[in-house]
Amino acid sequence: MGRFSVAKRMDMLTGSLWDKILIFALPLALSSILQQLFNSVDMAVVGHFAAEPAKATAAVGCNGPVINLIVNLFIGISVGANVVIANHLGSGEKKEAGKAVHSAMLIAVLSGICLMFAGLAVSSPILRLMNTPEDIMPYAVLYLRIYSLGLPFIMIYNFGSAVLRSIGDTKRPLVCLVSTGIMNAVLNLIFVIFFHLDVAGVAAATVIANAVSAALVLFFLMKEKSEIHLSLKLLRIRKEDLVPILKIGVPAGIQSMLFSISNVIIQSILNSYGTTAVAGSAVALNYEGFLNFVTTSFNQAAVTFTSQNFGAGKYDRCRKVFRLCMIYSMAITAVMSIVFLSASRFFASIFTSDEAVLEYALIRMWIVLSLKFIAATYEVGGAAMQGIGHSLTPALLTVFGTCIFRLVWAYTVCQAHPGFVTLLSVYPVSWVLTGAAVLIAYFTVRKKVFSSSPAC
C-alpha cells in the first residue's frame, strides 16, 4: 500500500505541465460525469419503465437545481480545503497538510448531516415555490426527500476527493465512481422494473451508490501512507485550518449557491410551461451536465496546480497552467458539443420516447450546447484567481453575470417576449458577459500579485 500511495502522487512543481494537467483533469472529468450519470440513469430508467414516464422524468429532472442549491455552498468549501492542503504541500509543510486533512473531513461529516436535515425540511416548500406542476409534485417531493438522506455521503465523497486531488490523485475517485455507477444502474433497473418503485426506487439506488462511494474514499484515505493519511481518532477542526478553508471556500460556495438560486428561479419560470416542457428540459440538462463537468475538471486542475506552484513561488508555471487549462477546457467542451448536437435526437431519445418531450429537449440542446464552451472563460479564470488566494473577486463577478443578470433577464426580457426560447437564451448571453469580466479581473489581479513579490 505504501508503494501504491507514493505512485499516486503527482509532482506539480517541476517538469512538463501539458501532460500532467490532462492526467489530472481527465479522470476527474470522468469521475464527475459518472456522478452526473447517477441522476441521468435515474431519468433514463423512469423515462422508459415508470408507470407514468413523462411525470417521473419531470419529477427527477426538476430537482436538479434544488439539489445544487442545497449542496453547492459546501462543495465550494471543499475547494477551499483543496487549496489549503495543496498550498501546504507546495510549501513543504507536510504536518500542516495532514492536520488540514482532518479538519476538512470533519467539516464534511458535520456539513453533510446539516444538509440532510435541511433537505428533508425544505423539500416540499421549495418545490412549491418553484411552481412545480401539481401532477408531478408528489413524485418530486418523494425523490428529493429520499435523495436528502444521502447528502452526508455526498459531502464525505466530495471532500475526500478534494483531499486526494491535492496530491494530484484523480484516479482513485474515478475508481469509486465507476464501481458505484455500475451499482446504481443495476439497482435502478431492479427497483423500478421488478419492484415497481419508480421515483422512490431510483432515489434509493442513488443514496446506496453515494454511500458506497463515500466508504471507498474513506478507505483510500485511511490506508494512505503519505501526509494525507486519515485517522478517525485525529478528526478535529483547527482554527488554523478552518479560517483559510472558509476564506477561500465560502466565496466560491456562495458563488455556486447564488448561481443555483438563479437556476432555481429560471426553473420556476420553465415549470410554468407545463410537465412536457419540464421533462424535455430535464433531458437536455443531462448533456449540459456532462459539459459542465469537463469545464469543472480543468477548473479544479487550475486551482490545484496554481495553488501548489504559487505556494512555491513559481509564477511562470502559474501562467502556463492558466493557458493550458483554458485551451483544454474550451476545446474538449466544443468537441463534445459537436458530437451531441450532430446526433441530438438520438441522444435525447435515450431518456424519453415521448415526441412532445423530445421537441423541447432538442430546442434546449441547440440553444445551450452550441456555445457552452464559452463558460470556460469565467470558470478557469476564476479558478486561477482562487489558486493565488483571490476568491472574492471572481465570486462577485460571477454572481453578477450568472445570477443578477439572469434574474433581470427573467423579469424583463422574458416578460416582454415570453417563451421557451427567450428564457433559455439567457445562458449564452450571460456566459459572454461573465467571461469577459472575469478574464479582465484575472489579468489585473495576476499582474499585481506576481509583481509584488519575487518568484523563486
Protein backbone atom coordinates (compact mmCIF):
# COMPACT_ATOMS: atom_id res chain seq x y z
CA MET A 1 0.00 0.00 0.00
CA GLY A 2 2.93 2.36 0.67
CA ARG A 3 4.24 1.97 -2.87
CA PHE A 4 0.74 2.36 -4.23
CA SER A 5 0.24 5.65 -2.40
CA VAL A 6 3.57 7.13 -3.45
CA ALA A 7 2.92 6.22 -7.06
CA LYS A 8 -0.30 8.17 -6.95
CA ARG A 9 1.39 11.44 -6.04
CA MET A 10 1.98 13.92 -8.86
CA ASP A 11 4.86 16.39 -8.97
CA MET A 12 3.16 19.64 -9.98
CA LEU A 13 6.18 21.84 -9.35
CA THR A 14 8.63 20.52 -11.94
CA GLY A 15 8.58 19.05 -15.44
CA SER A 16 6.07 19.44 -18.24
CA LEU A 17 2.56 20.65 -17.48
CA TRP A 18 0.56 19.80 -20.60
CA ASP A 19 0.51 16.07 -19.89
CA LYS A 20 0.16 16.34 -16.11
CA ILE A 21 -2.86 18.61 -16.39
CA LEU A 22 -4.53 16.12 -18.71
CA ILE A 23 -3.63 13.20 -16.43
CA PHE A 24 -5.14 15.17 -13.53
CA ALA A 25 -8.23 16.57 -15.26
CA LEU A 26 -9.48 13.75 -17.48
CA PRO A 27 -10.02 11.19 -14.70
CA LEU A 28 -11.68 13.96 -12.69
CA ALA A 29 -13.95 14.75 -15.63
CA LEU A 30 -14.84 11.09 -15.99
CA SER A 31 -15.49 10.87 -12.24
CA SER A 32 -17.83 13.85 -12.34
CA ILE A 33 -19.59 12.60 -15.45
CA LEU A 34 -20.18 9.29 -13.72
CA GLN A 35 -21.57 11.18 -10.74
CA GLN A 36 -23.91 13.00 -13.13
CA LEU A 37 -24.84 9.64 -14.60
CA PHE A 38 -26.37 8.71 -11.22
CA ASN A 39 -29.08 11.24 -11.96
CA SER A 40 -29.07 10.51 -15.71
CA VAL A 41 -29.58 6.79 -15.20
CA ASP A 42 -32.41 7.62 -12.80
CA MET A 43 -34.06 9.65 -15.54
CA ALA A 44 -33.46 7.13 -18.32
CA VAL A 45 -34.93 4.28 -16.28
CA VAL A 46 -38.06 6.13 -15.18
CA GLY A 47 -38.39 7.67 -18.65
CA HIS A 48 -38.82 4.21 -20.18
CA PHE A 49 -40.04 1.94 -17.38
CA ALA A 50 -42.05 4.01 -14.88
CA ALA A 51 -45.82 3.77 -14.83
CA GLU A 52 -46.08 7.45 -15.88
CA PRO A 53 -42.79 8.17 -17.72
CA ALA A 54 -43.26 11.89 -18.51
CA LYS A 55 -44.25 12.74 -14.93
CA ALA A 56 -41.46 10.66 -13.42
CA THR A 57 -38.88 12.22 -15.77
CA ALA A 58 -40.07 15.73 -14.92
CA ALA A 59 -40.04 14.93 -11.17
CA VAL A 60 -36.43 13.72 -11.23
CA GLY A 61 -35.28 16.49 -13.57
CA CYS A 62 -36.84 19.45 -11.78
CA ASN A 63 -34.94 18.51 -8.62
CA GLY A 64 -31.53 19.17 -10.20
CA PRO A 65 -31.44 22.93 -9.48
CA VAL A 66 -32.79 22.35 -5.96
CA ILE A 67 -30.15 19.75 -5.13
CA ASN A 68 -27.42 22.03 -6.45
CA LEU A 69 -28.77 24.89 -4.36
CA ILE A 70 -28.64 22.76 -1.21
CA VAL A 71 -25.12 21.34 -1.66
CA ASN A 72 -23.14 23.97 -3.57
CA LEU A 73 -22.08 26.09 -0.60
CA PHE A 74 -20.29 23.14 0.99
CA ILE A 75 -18.91 21.87 -2.32
CA GLY A 76 -17.30 25.32 -2.58
CA ILE A 77 -15.81 24.86 0.89
CA SER A 78 -14.26 21.59 -0.33
CA VAL A 79 -12.46 23.67 -2.97
CA GLY A 80 -11.08 25.77 -0.11
CA ALA A 81 -9.82 22.58 1.56
CA ASN A 82 -8.12 21.55 -1.69
CA VAL A 83 -6.35 24.92 -1.98
CA VAL A 84 -5.19 24.99 1.65
CA ILE A 85 -3.82 21.44 1.59
CA ALA A 86 -2.15 21.97 -1.80
CA ASN A 87 -0.56 25.20 -0.58
CA HIS A 88 0.89 23.40 2.45
CA LEU A 89 2.27 20.66 0.21
CA GLY A 90 3.74 23.18 -2.24
CA SER A 91 5.45 24.95 0.67
CA GLY A 92 6.82 21.66 2.07
CA GLU A 93 4.62 21.84 5.21
CA LYS A 94 3.66 18.17 5.37
CA LYS A 95 2.50 18.09 9.00
CA GLU A 96 0.27 21.11 8.46
CA ALA A 97 -1.18 19.46 5.38
CA GLY A 98 -2.05 16.37 7.42
CA LYS A 99 -3.80 18.42 10.10
CA ALA A 100 -5.77 20.29 7.43
CA VAL A 101 -6.95 16.94 6.03
CA HIS A 102 -8.51 16.00 9.37
CA SER A 103 -10.17 19.40 9.74
CA ALA A 104 -11.61 19.12 6.21
CA MET A 105 -13.04 15.65 6.70
CA LEU A 106 -14.77 16.55 9.97
CA ILE A 107 -16.24 19.61 8.23
CA ALA A 108 -17.53 17.20 5.57
CA VAL A 109 -19.31 14.98 8.09
CA LEU A 110 -20.92 17.85 10.01
CA SER A 111 -21.98 19.74 6.89
CA GLY A 112 -23.47 16.57 5.39
CA ILE A 113 -25.63 15.98 8.46
CA CYS A 114 -26.83 19.59 8.44
CA LEU A 115 -27.66 19.38 4.73
CA MET A 116 -29.60 16.16 5.22
CA PHE A 117 -31.95 17.78 7.73
CA ALA A 118 -32.20 20.92 5.59
CA GLY A 119 -33.12 18.86 2.53
CA LEU A 120 -35.81 16.96 4.41
CA ALA A 121 -37.26 20.19 5.79
CA VAL A 122 -37.36 22.33 2.63
CA SER A 123 -38.22 19.71 0.00
CA SER A 124 -41.93 20.44 -0.21
CA PRO A 125 -41.85 24.24 0.36
CA ILE A 126 -39.09 24.92 -2.16
CA LEU A 127 -40.66 22.78 -4.87
CA ARG A 128 -43.94 24.65 -4.39
CA LEU A 129 -42.13 28.00 -4.60
CA MET A 130 -40.72 26.82 -7.93
CA ASN A 131 -44.22 26.39 -9.37
CA THR A 132 -43.70 22.66 -9.77
CA PRO A 133 -46.72 21.31 -11.69
CA GLU A 134 -49.23 19.74 -9.33
CA ASP A 135 -49.35 16.47 -11.26
CA ILE A 136 -45.65 15.79 -10.55
CA MET A 137 -45.45 17.39 -7.09
CA PRO A 138 -45.81 14.17 -5.02
CA TYR A 139 -43.15 12.42 -7.11
CA ALA A 140 -40.75 15.37 -6.91
CA VAL A 141 -41.08 15.72 -3.13
CA LEU A 142 -40.59 11.99 -2.60
CA TYR A 143 -37.45 11.94 -4.77
CA LEU A 144 -35.90 14.94 -3.00
CA ARG A 145 -36.60 13.61 0.49
CA ILE A 146 -35.04 10.22 -0.23
CA TYR A 147 -32.10 11.88 -2.04
CA SER A 148 -31.50 14.11 1.02
CA LEU A 149 -30.79 11.04 3.13
CA GLY A 150 -27.63 10.55 1.06
CA LEU A 151 -26.26 14.09 1.43
CA PRO A 152 -23.78 13.16 4.22
CA PHE A 153 -22.27 10.58 1.87
CA ILE A 154 -22.04 13.14 -0.96
CA MET A 155 -20.16 15.55 1.31
CA ILE A 156 -17.74 12.86 2.51
CA TYR A 157 -17.05 11.78 -1.05
CA ASN A 158 -16.51 15.32 -2.35
CA PHE A 159 -14.26 16.44 0.50
CA GLY A 160 -12.33 13.17 0.37
CA SER A 161 -11.87 13.56 -3.37
CA ALA A 162 -10.66 17.13 -2.83
CA VAL A 163 -8.03 15.80 -0.41
CA LEU A 164 -6.87 13.21 -2.96
CA ARG A 165 -6.74 15.89 -5.69
CA SER A 166 -4.44 17.99 -3.53
CA ILE A 167 -1.67 15.46 -4.26
CA GLY A 168 -2.71 15.08 -7.90
CA ASP A 169 -4.66 11.86 -7.46
CA THR A 170 -7.83 11.86 -9.56
CA LYS A 171 -7.72 8.15 -10.39
CA ARG A 172 -8.95 6.70 -7.12
CA PRO A 173 -12.08 8.93 -7.09
CA LEU A 174 -12.70 7.62 -10.60
CA VAL A 175 -12.40 4.03 -9.36
CA CYS A 176 -15.01 4.84 -6.70
CA LEU A 177 -17.49 6.21 -9.18
CA VAL A 178 -17.00 3.54 -11.84
CA SER A 179 -17.82 0.92 -9.24
CA THR A 180 -20.76 2.73 -7.71
CA GLY A 181 -22.07 3.96 -11.08
CA ILE A 182 -22.49 0.39 -12.24
CA MET A 183 -24.13 -0.47 -8.93
CA ASN A 184 -26.51 2.47 -9.28
CA ALA A 185 -27.59 1.44 -12.79
CA VAL A 186 -28.24 -2.16 -11.74
CA LEU A 187 -30.19 -1.11 -8.62
CA ASN A 188 -32.27 1.33 -10.69
CA LEU A 189 -33.38 -1.44 -13.02
CA ILE A 190 -34.11 -3.83 -10.16
CA PHE A 191 -36.08 -1.31 -8.08
CA VAL A 192 -38.11 0.08 -10.99
CA ILE A 193 -38.69 -2.93 -13.27
CA PHE A 194 -39.01 -5.72 -10.70
CA PHE A 195 -40.28 -3.88 -7.61
CA HIS A 196 -42.16 -1.07 -9.44
CA LEU A 197 -40.82 1.59 -7.05
CA ASP A 198 -40.50 4.19 -9.84
CA VAL A 199 -39.21 7.54 -8.47
CA ALA A 200 -38.63 6.15 -4.97
CA GLY A 201 -36.60 3.29 -6.41
CA VAL A 202 -34.19 5.45 -8.42
CA ALA A 203 -33.72 7.81 -5.47
CA ALA A 204 -32.94 4.91 -3.13
CA ALA A 205 -30.48 3.44 -5.64
CA THR A 206 -28.64 6.78 -5.79
CA VAL A 207 -28.41 7.01 -1.99
CA ILE A 208 -26.96 3.49 -1.77
CA ALA A 209 -24.42 4.25 -4.51
CA ASN A 210 -23.37 7.50 -2.83
CA ALA A 211 -22.89 5.65 0.46
CA VAL A 212 -20.57 3.12 -1.18
CA SER A 213 -18.55 5.84 -2.95
CA ALA A 214 -18.08 7.66 0.39
CA ALA A 215 -16.95 4.43 2.05
CA LEU A 216 -14.41 3.78 -0.70
CA VAL A 217 -12.92 7.28 -0.43
CA LEU A 218 -12.60 6.89 3.34
CA PHE A 219 -10.92 3.52 2.81
CA PHE A 220 -8.35 5.05 0.44
CA LEU A 221 -7.58 7.91 2.82
CA MET A 222 -7.27 5.64 5.86
CA LYS A 223 -4.90 3.30 4.00
CA GLU A 224 -2.84 6.19 2.56
CA LYS A 225 0.76 6.29 3.78
CA SER A 226 1.59 9.87 2.77
CA GLU A 227 0.88 13.13 4.61
CA ILE A 228 -2.84 12.99 3.66
CA HIS A 229 -3.40 9.79 5.69
CA LEU A 230 -6.69 9.92 7.59
CA SER A 231 -7.03 8.67 11.15
CA LEU A 232 -10.52 8.85 12.63
CA LYS A 233 -9.22 9.43 16.13
CA LEU A 234 -7.39 12.58 14.95
CA LEU A 235 -10.52 14.21 13.47
CA ARG A 236 -10.83 17.74 14.80
CA ILE A 237 -11.39 21.17 13.35
CA ARG A 238 -8.48 23.53 13.97
CA LYS A 239 -8.97 27.28 13.73
CA GLU A 240 -5.70 27.50 11.76
CA ASP A 241 -7.27 25.28 9.09
CA LEU A 242 -10.87 26.43 9.30
CA VAL A 243 -10.20 30.13 8.70
CA PRO A 244 -8.26 29.79 5.41
CA ILE A 245 -10.55 26.99 4.18
CA LEU A 246 -13.58 29.21 4.75
CA LYS A 247 -11.83 32.32 3.42
CA ILE A 248 -11.26 30.61 0.08
CA GLY A 249 -14.17 28.17 0.07
CA VAL A 250 -17.10 30.30 1.24
CA PRO A 251 -16.88 32.87 -1.60
CA ALA A 252 -16.62 30.00 -4.09
CA GLY A 253 -19.55 28.25 -2.40
CA ILE A 254 -21.69 31.38 -2.25
CA GLN A 255 -20.89 31.97 -5.91
CA SER A 256 -22.16 28.49 -6.77
CA MET A 257 -25.10 28.82 -4.42
CA LEU A 258 -26.26 32.11 -5.91
CA PHE A 259 -25.73 30.63 -9.36
CA SER A 260 -28.06 27.83 -8.28
CA ILE A 261 -30.62 30.35 -6.98
CA SER A 262 -30.78 31.93 -10.43
CA ASN A 263 -31.23 28.46 -11.94
CA VAL A 264 -34.00 27.69 -9.44
CA ILE A 265 -35.82 30.88 -10.46
CA ILE A 266 -35.36 30.08 -14.15
CA GLN A 267 -36.60 26.56 -13.44
CA SER A 268 -39.67 28.01 -11.72
CA ILE A 269 -40.46 30.04 -14.85
CA LEU A 270 -39.81 26.99 -17.00
CA ASN A 271 -42.16 24.96 -14.79
CA SER A 272 -44.99 27.30 -15.80
CA TYR A 273 -44.78 25.87 -19.33
CA GLY A 274 -46.06 22.52 -18.06
CA THR A 275 -44.91 18.97 -17.43
CA THR A 276 -43.84 18.29 -21.03
CA ALA A 277 -41.53 21.33 -21.14
CA VAL A 278 -40.07 20.43 -17.73
CA ALA A 279 -39.39 16.86 -18.86
CA GLY A 280 -37.81 17.98 -22.14
CA SER A 281 -35.59 20.50 -20.38
CA ALA A 282 -34.57 17.83 -17.89
CA VAL A 283 -33.48 15.54 -20.72
CA ALA A 284 -31.26 18.25 -22.26
CA LEU A 285 -29.78 19.10 -18.85
CA ASN A 286 -28.07 15.73 -18.77
CA TYR A 287 -25.82 16.73 -21.66
CA GLU A 288 -25.22 20.19 -20.25
CA GLY A 289 -24.10 18.43 -17.07
CA PHE A 290 -21.54 16.37 -18.96
CA LEU A 291 -20.04 19.52 -20.48
CA ASN A 292 -20.14 21.33 -17.14
CA PHE A 293 -18.05 18.61 -15.57
CA VAL A 294 -15.39 18.81 -18.27
CA THR A 295 -15.09 22.53 -17.56
CA THR A 296 -15.11 21.88 -13.81
CA SER A 297 -12.32 19.31 -14.10
CA PHE A 298 -10.00 21.87 -15.68
CA ASN A 299 -11.27 24.41 -13.15
CA GLN A 300 -10.06 22.04 -10.42
CA ALA A 301 -6.79 21.47 -12.24
CA ALA A 302 -6.27 25.23 -12.42
CA VAL A 303 -6.97 25.60 -8.68
CA THR A 304 -4.70 22.74 -7.59
CA PHE A 305 -1.76 23.32 -9.93
CA THR A 306 -1.87 27.08 -9.37
CA SER A 307 -2.07 26.64 -5.59
CA GLN A 308 0.98 24.41 -5.39
CA ASN A 309 3.07 26.50 -7.78
CA PHE A 310 2.00 29.75 -6.18
CA GLY A 311 2.95 28.34 -2.77
CA ALA A 312 6.37 27.50 -4.22
CA GLY A 313 6.70 30.95 -5.83
CA LYS A 314 6.74 29.57 -9.40
CA TYR A 315 4.73 32.25 -11.13
CA ASP A 316 5.69 31.38 -14.71
CA ARG A 317 4.21 27.92 -14.19
CA CYS A 318 1.06 29.54 -12.78
CA ARG A 319 0.68 31.48 -16.04
CA LYS A 320 1.19 28.35 -18.10
CA VAL A 321 -1.33 26.42 -16.01
CA PHE A 322 -3.95 29.06 -16.80
CA ARG A 323 -3.26 28.94 -20.54
CA LEU A 324 -3.32 25.16 -20.79
CA CYS A 325 -6.45 24.72 -18.66
CA MET A 326 -8.28 27.32 -20.72
CA ILE A 327 -7.30 25.73 -24.06
CA TYR A 328 -8.12 22.20 -22.94
CA SER A 329 -11.45 23.17 -21.37
CA MET A 330 -12.72 25.13 -24.35
CA ALA A 331 -11.51 22.64 -26.97
CA ILE A 332 -12.83 19.47 -25.32
CA THR A 333 -16.16 21.09 -24.46
CA ALA A 334 -16.57 22.31 -28.05
CA VAL A 335 -15.84 18.86 -29.48
CA MET A 336 -18.32 17.20 -27.12
CA SER A 337 -20.97 19.78 -28.04
CA ILE A 338 -20.50 19.00 -31.73
CA VAL A 339 -20.88 15.27 -31.05
CA PHE A 340 -24.07 15.71 -29.01
CA LEU A 341 -25.64 18.12 -31.50
CA SER A 342 -24.74 16.08 -34.57
CA ALA A 343 -26.99 13.29 -33.25
CA SER A 344 -29.19 15.30 -30.92
CA ARG A 345 -32.38 13.30 -31.49
CA PHE A 346 -30.60 10.01 -30.78
CA PHE A 347 -29.06 11.32 -27.56
CA ALA A 348 -32.35 12.82 -26.37
CA SER A 349 -34.24 9.61 -27.14
CA ILE A 350 -32.05 7.73 -24.66
CA PHE A 351 -34.11 9.37 -21.92
CA THR A 352 -37.57 9.52 -23.45
CA SER A 353 -39.67 8.22 -26.33
CA ASP A 354 -42.34 10.91 -25.96
CA GLU A 355 -42.28 13.10 -29.11
CA ALA A 356 -43.52 16.24 -27.35
CA VAL A 357 -40.84 15.88 -24.68
CA LEU A 358 -38.21 15.28 -27.38
CA GLU A 359 -39.07 18.54 -29.15
CA TYR A 360 -38.46 20.61 -26.03
CA ALA A 361 -35.24 18.70 -25.35
CA LEU A 362 -33.89 19.41 -28.83
CA ILE A 363 -34.66 23.13 -28.58
CA ARG A 364 -32.74 23.41 -25.33
CA MET A 365 -29.81 21.34 -26.59
CA TRP A 366 -29.29 23.56 -29.66
CA ILE A 367 -29.56 26.84 -27.76
CA VAL A 368 -27.38 25.91 -24.80
CA LEU A 369 -24.84 23.37 -26.05
CA SER A 370 -23.83 25.37 -29.13
CA LEU A 371 -21.94 27.99 -27.08
CA LYS A 372 -21.28 26.08 -23.84
CA PHE A 373 -17.51 26.24 -24.38
CA ILE A 374 -17.60 29.98 -23.53
CA ALA A 375 -18.29 29.12 -19.87
CA ALA A 376 -14.64 28.05 -19.55
CA THR A 377 -13.61 31.72 -19.62
CA TYR A 378 -15.05 32.53 -16.21
CA GLU A 379 -14.68 29.03 -14.72
CA VAL A 380 -10.94 28.66 -15.40
CA GLY A 381 -10.25 32.37 -14.88
CA GLY A 382 -11.98 32.29 -11.51
CA ALA A 383 -10.19 29.08 -10.51
CA ALA A 384 -6.80 30.59 -11.33
CA MET A 385 -7.61 33.54 -9.06
CA GLN A 386 -8.70 31.20 -6.28
CA GLY A 387 -5.37 29.41 -6.60
CA ILE A 388 -3.47 32.61 -5.81
CA GLY A 389 -5.75 33.35 -2.84
CA HIS A 390 -8.23 35.74 -4.51
CA SER A 391 -11.64 34.07 -4.47
CA LEU A 392 -13.88 37.03 -3.63
CA THR A 393 -13.39 38.93 -6.90
CA PRO A 394 -14.37 36.11 -9.28
CA ALA A 395 -17.21 35.19 -6.92
CA LEU A 396 -18.69 38.68 -7.09
CA LEU A 397 -18.29 38.94 -10.86
CA THR A 398 -19.81 35.51 -11.42
CA VAL A 399 -22.70 36.32 -9.10
CA PHE A 400 -23.41 39.43 -11.14
CA GLY A 401 -23.07 37.73 -14.52
CA THR A 402 -24.74 34.39 -13.86
CA CYS A 403 -27.20 35.35 -11.12
CA ILE A 404 -28.20 39.01 -11.11
CA PHE A 405 -28.09 39.38 -14.89
CA ARG A 406 -30.17 36.22 -15.37
CA LEU A 407 -32.74 37.41 -12.87
CA VAL A 408 -33.00 40.76 -14.62
CA TRP A 409 -33.40 38.92 -17.93
CA ALA A 410 -36.09 36.66 -16.49
CA TYR A 411 -38.16 39.55 -15.19
CA THR A 412 -37.66 41.98 -18.08
CA VAL A 413 -36.84 40.34 -21.40
CA CYS A 414 -38.89 37.22 -20.66
CA GLN A 415 -41.83 39.34 -19.54
CA ALA A 416 -41.70 41.39 -22.73
CA HIS A 417 -41.13 38.40 -25.01
CA PRO A 418 -42.35 35.29 -23.15
CA GLY A 419 -41.38 31.90 -24.45
CA PHE A 420 -39.17 28.85 -24.01
CA VAL A 421 -36.52 30.11 -26.45
CA THR A 422 -36.29 33.58 -24.88
CA LEU A 423 -35.85 32.08 -21.42
CA LEU A 424 -33.03 29.76 -22.45
CA SER A 425 -31.19 32.43 -24.46
CA VAL A 426 -30.07 33.99 -21.18
CA TYR A 427 -27.44 31.28 -20.77
CA PRO A 428 -25.12 32.07 -23.73
CA VAL A 429 -25.58 35.83 -23.24
CA SER A 430 -24.58 35.58 -19.56
CA TRP A 431 -21.54 33.42 -20.39
CA VAL A 432 -20.14 36.07 -22.72
CA LEU A 433 -20.73 38.87 -20.20
CA THR A 434 -19.31 36.98 -17.21
CA GLY A 435 -16.35 35.54 -19.11
CA ALA A 436 -15.21 38.98 -20.28
CA ALA A 437 -15.45 40.44 -16.77
CA VAL A 438 -13.60 37.56 -15.05
CA LEU A 439 -10.78 37.48 -17.60
CA ILE A 440 -10.17 41.22 -17.22
CA ALA A 441 -10.10 40.79 -13.45
CA TYR A 442 -7.78 37.78 -13.65
CA PHE A 443 -5.12 39.53 -15.71
CA THR A 444 -5.35 42.62 -13.50
CA VAL A 445 -5.02 40.64 -10.25
CA ARG A 446 -2.29 38.39 -11.64
CA LYS A 447 -0.14 41.33 -12.70
CA LYS A 448 -0.47 42.95 -9.28
CA VAL A 449 0.15 39.80 -7.22
CA PHE A 450 3.04 38.42 -9.26
CA SER A 451 4.85 41.75 -9.41
CA SER A 452 4.51 42.39 -5.67
CA SER A 453 6.85 39.55 -4.62
CA PRO A 454 9.84 37.92 -6.33
CA ALA A 455 9.44 34.45 -7.88
CA CYS A 456 11.54 31.60 -6.58
